[in-house]
Amino acid sequence: MMAAIEVEARKAAASWAVRGSVAALVGGTAALCLGFALAVRSGDARILAKLGPSAAAPGWAGLLSGATQVSAAGALLALGVVCSWLMGREFADRTVEGLFGLAVGRAAISAAKLVVALVVALAAAVLLVIAVLVVGAALGFGVPGATDRAAVGRLLVLVVLSGVLALPCAWAATLGRGLLPGIGLAVALLAGTQVLVVAGAASWFPTAAPALWAMDPASVAPVALVGSVLLGLAGAAACVVTWHRLQLDR
């Protein structure tokens, strides 16, 4: 198992798909947060109205609120792409046939891929938090207060939970024998979540609960986050079982 994790980690580290997804999430979030902060400083009433009261707040509060809103959507999509690539590339590159001849079982290989996906999610979370803190420091916001540090912690947890929620995308990529089905599921989850949020019925929906909790902890019961974790783990378990029973009959 450890050998499989090491091999999959090397694949992920060398992949432009994985590195590009993480870079887009981290760099894109940092760039948007910088843009939000500069827009707030401009004092334009129209821009402030579009940002909303939380993102339009001055200092760390507005910066972290903007980062949380961007990450709520961006992290699920970016990490969904990572999970899809880890599984789907074996079919797209036609390397899956060779896995049947390895001493390491296919279930162990798939589990190793999922572990690597979670490690990538954790690394992306840490890098994103560092990038946002660098933006805040560059803007002269000073040392974050206790409330701001709590928001930073929730941002970190949000990205990690997004990585857990993206694990079913690996199963979709396996069932669809390619990258696009997994990416399509990530887009569908993101779109469905946005609809439920707008409809006001998302606090208990597994893919929406982490984002709503990160933005306003009082609005989401902690047990709702357990549902998010269970959904991700269920998708991971289904993926491992599917790989264990995988047949090259189509």
Foldseek 3Di string as FASTA:
>chain_A
DVVLLVVLLVVLVPDCLLVVLLCCLQVVLLVVLLVLQVVLVVVDPVSLVVLDDQLSDHFLRNSLLSSLVSCLQSLLLSLLLLLLCSQQVCLVVVVVVVQVPDPDAQLVNLVSSLVSSLVSLLVSLVSNLVSSVVSRVVVPRPDDDPVSVVLSVLSSVLSSLSSLLSQLLNQLSLVVNHRVRSSVVSVVLSVVQVVCVVVVNRLLPLSNVSSVCSNPVVVHDPVSPVVSNVNSVVSSVSSSVCSNVDDPPD
